[in-house]
């Protein structure tokens, strides 16, 4: 399933409207709690002629969130949803 950009860019007449996702979730250890640090790198790409993928090699986007910095309730809610999906995968695999 492609991730579609809300802000596609056009370079040399080619519109890059999709985003490839590189996602990393790491633990943030505290004495009495454990929270996620999240890093997402998004690379722009498009489906070119004959369905060939054409990647834009410059201008990657990033989203970084740490459990230590809680200043964006909307991002925090989405991180909780993501962690819920991770829990679902753990349950599915019986881990």
N, C-alpha and C. Protein backbone atom coordinates (compact mmCIF):
# COMPACT_ATOMS: atom_id res chain seq x y z
N UNK A 1 0.84 -1.17 0.00
CA UNK A 1 0.00 0.00 0.00
C UNK A 1 0.88 1.23 0.00
N UNK A 2 0.79 2.06 -1.02
CA UNK A 2 1.63 3.26 -1.03
C UNK A 2 1.14 4.29 -0.01
N UNK A 3 2.07 5.02 0.53
CA UNK A 3 1.76 6.18 1.36
C UNK A 3 1.74 7.37 0.41
N UNK A 4 0.61 8.07 0.34
CA UNK A 4 0.47 9.19 -0.57
C UNK A 4 0.83 10.48 0.13
N UNK A 5 1.57 11.32 -0.55
CA UNK A 5 1.98 12.61 0.01
C UNK A 5 0.84 13.61 -0.05
N UNK A 6 0.71 14.40 1.00
CA UNK A 6 -0.23 15.52 1.01
C UNK A 6 0.36 16.74 0.32
N UNK A 7 1.67 16.68 0.04
CA UNK A 7 2.37 17.80 -0.58
C UNK A 7 3.34 17.27 -1.63
N UNK A 8 2.82 16.70 -2.73
CA UNK A 8 3.72 16.17 -3.75
C UNK A 8 4.59 17.27 -4.34
N UNK A 9 5.76 16.89 -4.84
CA UNK A 9 6.66 17.86 -5.47
C UNK A 9 6.84 17.46 -6.93
N UNK A 10 7.13 18.45 -7.75
CA UNK A 10 7.39 18.22 -9.17
C UNK A 10 8.81 18.66 -9.47
N UNK A 11 9.59 17.75 -10.04
CA UNK A 11 10.97 18.02 -10.42
C UNK A 11 11.14 17.60 -11.87
N UNK A 12 11.62 18.52 -12.69
CA UNK A 12 11.82 18.25 -14.12
C UNK A 12 10.56 17.68 -14.78
N UNK A 13 9.41 18.23 -14.39
CA UNK A 13 8.15 17.81 -14.98
C UNK A 13 7.59 16.50 -14.45
N UNK A 14 8.27 15.90 -13.50
CA UNK A 14 7.81 14.63 -12.91
C UNK A 14 7.28 14.89 -11.51
N UNK A 15 6.08 14.39 -11.23
CA UNK A 15 5.46 14.60 -9.92
C UNK A 15 5.71 13.38 -9.03
N UNK A 16 6.33 13.64 -7.90
CA UNK A 16 6.62 12.61 -6.90
C UNK A 16 5.55 12.70 -5.83
N UNK A 17 4.60 11.75 -5.88
CA UNK A 17 3.41 11.83 -5.04
C UNK A 17 3.31 10.73 -4.00
N UNK A 18 4.33 9.90 -3.91
CA UNK A 18 4.30 8.79 -2.95
C UNK A 18 5.50 8.88 -2.01
N UNK A 19 5.37 8.21 -0.87
CA UNK A 19 6.43 8.24 0.14
C UNK A 19 6.78 6.81 0.57
N UNK A 20 8.05 6.46 0.45
CA UNK A 20 8.54 5.20 1.00
C UNK A 20 8.90 5.46 2.46
N UNK A 21 8.62 4.51 3.32
CA UNK A 21 8.75 4.71 4.76
C UNK A 21 9.86 3.85 5.34
N UNK A 22 10.75 4.49 6.10
CA UNK A 22 11.74 3.80 6.92
C UNK A 22 11.39 4.18 8.35
N UNK A 23 10.95 3.21 9.14
CA UNK A 23 10.44 3.46 10.49
C UNK A 23 11.30 2.75 11.51
N UNK A 24 11.70 3.47 12.55
CA UNK A 24 12.44 2.88 13.66
C UNK A 24 11.77 3.28 14.97
N UNK A 25 11.53 2.29 15.83
CA UNK A 25 10.98 2.54 17.16
C UNK A 25 11.98 1.97 18.16
N UNK A 26 12.40 2.81 19.09
CA UNK A 26 13.40 2.40 20.08
C UNK A 26 12.88 2.72 21.48
N UNK A 27 13.31 1.95 22.48
CA UNK A 27 12.86 2.24 23.84
C UNK A 27 13.60 3.43 24.45
N UNK A 28 12.87 4.19 25.24
CA UNK A 28 13.46 5.24 26.08
C UNK A 28 13.29 4.75 27.52
N UNK A 29 14.40 4.40 28.13
CA UNK A 29 14.38 3.81 29.48
C UNK A 29 14.38 4.90 30.53
N UNK A 30 13.47 4.77 31.50
CA UNK A 30 13.43 5.63 32.67
C UNK A 30 13.39 4.73 33.89
N UNK A 31 13.63 5.29 35.07
CA UNK A 31 13.62 4.47 36.28
C UNK A 31 12.28 3.78 36.50
N UNK A 32 11.18 4.48 36.22
CA UNK A 32 9.87 3.94 36.53
C UNK A 32 8.95 3.82 35.31
N UNK A 33 9.51 3.96 34.11
CA UNK A 33 8.66 3.95 32.93
C UNK A 33 9.49 3.57 31.71
N UNK A 34 8.81 3.23 30.66
CA UNK A 34 9.44 2.92 29.39
C UNK A 34 8.56 3.51 28.30
N UNK A 35 9.15 4.30 27.45
CA UNK A 35 8.37 4.91 26.37
C UNK A 35 9.10 4.79 25.05
N UNK A 36 8.40 5.05 23.95
CA UNK A 36 9.02 4.89 22.64
C UNK A 36 9.67 6.18 22.13
N UNK A 37 10.77 6.00 21.44
CA UNK A 37 11.33 7.05 20.59
C UNK A 37 11.07 6.59 19.16
N UNK A 38 10.63 7.49 18.34
CA UNK A 38 10.18 7.14 17.00
C UNK A 38 10.92 8.01 15.98
N UNK A 39 11.44 7.38 14.95
CA UNK A 39 12.06 8.11 13.84
C UNK A 39 11.52 7.55 12.53
N UNK A 40 11.04 8.44 11.69
CA UNK A 40 10.52 8.04 10.40
C UNK A 40 11.24 8.86 9.32
N UNK A 41 11.80 8.17 8.33
CA UNK A 41 12.37 8.84 7.16
C UNK A 41 11.47 8.52 5.98
N UNK A 42 11.07 9.55 5.27
CA UNK A 42 10.18 9.41 4.13
C UNK A 42 10.93 9.80 2.86
N UNK A 43 10.96 8.90 1.89
CA UNK A 43 11.62 9.16 0.61
C UNK A 43 10.56 9.28 -0.47
N UNK A 44 10.62 10.37 -1.20
CA UNK A 44 9.65 10.62 -2.27
C UNK A 44 9.92 9.70 -3.47
N UNK A 45 8.83 9.18 -4.06
CA UNK A 45 8.97 8.41 -5.29
C UNK A 45 7.70 8.52 -6.11
N UNK A 46 7.76 8.02 -7.33
CA UNK A 46 6.60 8.00 -8.20
C UNK A 46 6.63 6.73 -9.02
N UNK A 47 5.49 6.38 -9.56
CA UNK A 47 5.42 5.27 -10.52
C UNK A 47 5.65 5.89 -11.89
N UNK A 48 6.77 5.55 -12.50
CA UNK A 48 7.12 6.11 -13.80
C UNK A 48 6.51 5.32 -14.93
N UNK A 49 7.10 5.51 -16.11
CA UNK A 49 6.64 4.81 -17.30
C UNK A 49 6.71 3.30 -17.08
N UNK A 50 5.70 2.62 -17.56
CA UNK A 50 5.61 1.16 -17.47
C UNK A 50 5.65 0.66 -16.03
N UNK A 51 5.25 1.52 -15.07
CA UNK A 51 5.18 1.10 -13.68
C UNK A 51 6.51 1.05 -12.96
N UNK A 52 7.57 1.55 -13.59
CA UNK A 52 8.89 1.52 -12.96
C UNK A 52 8.95 2.60 -11.87
N UNK A 53 9.48 2.25 -10.72
CA UNK A 53 9.59 3.20 -9.61
C UNK A 53 10.74 4.16 -9.87
N UNK A 54 10.45 5.45 -9.71
CA UNK A 54 11.42 6.52 -9.89
C UNK A 54 11.54 7.24 -8.55
N UNK A 55 12.69 7.08 -7.90
CA UNK A 55 12.91 7.64 -6.55
C UNK A 55 13.58 9.00 -6.68
N UNK A 56 13.13 9.95 -5.86
CA UNK A 56 13.77 11.27 -5.76
C UNK A 56 14.85 11.17 -4.71
N UNK A 57 16.10 11.29 -5.14
CA UNK A 57 17.22 11.01 -4.24
C UNK A 57 17.57 12.15 -3.29
N UNK A 58 16.95 13.30 -3.45
CA UNK A 58 17.21 14.38 -2.50
C UNK A 58 15.90 14.82 -1.87
N UNK A 59 16.00 15.42 -0.73
CA UNK A 59 14.81 15.96 -0.10
C UNK A 59 14.01 15.00 0.75
N UNK A 60 14.67 14.00 1.35
CA UNK A 60 13.95 13.12 2.28
C UNK A 60 13.33 13.96 3.39
N UNK A 61 12.22 13.48 3.90
CA UNK A 61 11.51 14.13 5.00
C UNK A 61 11.68 13.29 6.25
N UNK A 62 11.50 13.90 7.42
CA UNK A 62 11.63 13.11 8.64
C UNK A 62 10.63 13.56 9.69
N UNK A 63 10.26 12.59 10.52
CA UNK A 63 9.44 12.83 11.70
C UNK A 63 10.18 12.16 12.85
N UNK A 64 10.44 12.92 13.91
CA UNK A 64 11.13 12.37 15.08
C UNK A 64 10.30 12.70 16.31
N UNK A 65 10.11 11.69 17.15
CA UNK A 65 9.34 11.87 18.40
C UNK A 65 10.01 11.06 19.50
N UNK A 66 10.13 11.66 20.65
CA UNK A 66 10.69 10.95 21.80
C UNK A 66 9.72 11.03 22.96
N UNK A 67 9.64 9.96 23.70
CA UNK A 67 8.78 9.93 24.89
C UNK A 67 9.25 10.95 25.92
N UNK A 68 10.51 11.37 25.82
CA UNK A 68 11.03 12.36 26.77
C UNK A 68 10.51 13.76 26.47
N UNK A 69 10.12 14.02 25.23
CA UNK A 69 9.63 15.34 24.83
C UNK A 69 8.16 15.18 24.47
N UNK A 70 7.31 15.57 25.38
CA UNK A 70 5.87 15.39 25.18
C UNK A 70 5.24 16.77 24.98
N UNK A 71 5.29 17.24 23.74
CA UNK A 71 4.78 18.57 23.48
C UNK A 71 3.80 18.62 22.31
N UNK A 72 3.42 17.48 21.78
CA UNK A 72 2.49 17.45 20.65
C UNK A 72 1.48 16.34 20.87
N UNK A 73 0.32 16.67 21.45
CA UNK A 73 -0.68 15.64 21.76
C UNK A 73 -1.12 14.83 20.54
N UNK A 74 -1.22 15.44 19.37
CA UNK A 74 -1.65 14.70 18.18
C UNK A 74 -0.63 13.64 17.79
N UNK A 75 0.65 13.99 17.84
CA UNK A 75 1.71 13.02 17.54
C UNK A 75 1.71 11.91 18.59
N UNK A 76 1.58 12.29 19.87
CA UNK A 76 1.56 11.29 20.94
C UNK A 76 0.42 10.29 20.74
N UNK A 77 -0.75 10.78 20.33
CA UNK A 77 -1.89 9.88 20.10
C UNK A 77 -1.58 8.90 18.96
N UNK A 78 -0.95 9.37 17.90
CA UNK A 78 -0.60 8.49 16.78
C UNK A 78 0.48 7.48 17.18
N UNK A 79 1.42 7.89 18.02
CA UNK A 79 2.45 6.96 18.50
C UNK A 79 1.78 5.86 19.33
N UNK A 80 0.80 6.22 20.15
CA UNK A 80 0.06 5.21 20.93
C UNK A 80 -0.66 4.24 20.00
N UNK A 81 -1.26 4.76 18.92
CA UNK A 81 -1.92 3.89 17.95
C UNK A 81 -0.91 2.94 17.30
N UNK A 82 0.26 3.48 16.95
CA UNK A 82 1.30 2.65 16.34
C UNK A 82 1.74 1.55 17.31
N UNK A 83 1.95 1.89 18.56
CA UNK A 83 2.36 0.89 19.54
C UNK A 83 1.26 -0.14 19.75
N UNK A 84 0.01 0.26 19.61
CA UNK A 84 -1.10 -0.70 19.69
C UNK A 84 -1.03 -1.70 18.53
N UNK A 85 -0.67 -1.22 17.36
CA UNK A 85 -0.51 -2.12 16.22
C UNK A 85 0.65 -3.08 16.46
N UNK A 86 1.74 -2.58 17.05
CA UNK A 86 2.87 -3.46 17.39
C UNK A 86 2.41 -4.53 18.37
N UNK A 87 1.61 -4.14 19.36
CA UNK A 87 1.07 -5.13 20.31
C UNK A 87 0.22 -6.17 19.58
N UNK A 88 -0.59 -5.73 18.63
CA UNK A 88 -1.40 -6.66 17.84
C UNK A 88 -0.51 -7.66 17.09
N UNK A 89 0.59 -7.18 16.53
CA UNK A 89 1.52 -8.09 15.82
C UNK A 89 2.17 -9.08 16.76
N UNK A 90 2.55 -8.62 17.96
CA UNK A 90 3.12 -9.51 18.96
C UNK A 90 2.09 -10.59 19.32
N UNK A 91 0.85 -10.17 19.53
CA UNK A 91 -0.22 -11.14 19.86
C UNK A 91 -0.43 -12.12 18.71
N UNK A 92 -0.45 -11.62 17.50
CA UNK A 92 -0.67 -12.46 16.32
C UNK A 92 0.41 -13.53 16.20
N UNK A 93 1.64 -13.18 16.51
CA UNK A 93 2.75 -14.13 16.41
C UNK A 93 2.92 -14.96 17.68
N UNK A 94 2.13 -14.66 18.73
CA UNK A 94 2.22 -15.43 19.96
C UNK A 94 3.53 -15.22 20.71
N UNK A 95 4.06 -14.04 20.63
CA UNK A 95 5.36 -13.76 21.29
C UNK A 95 5.19 -13.24 22.69
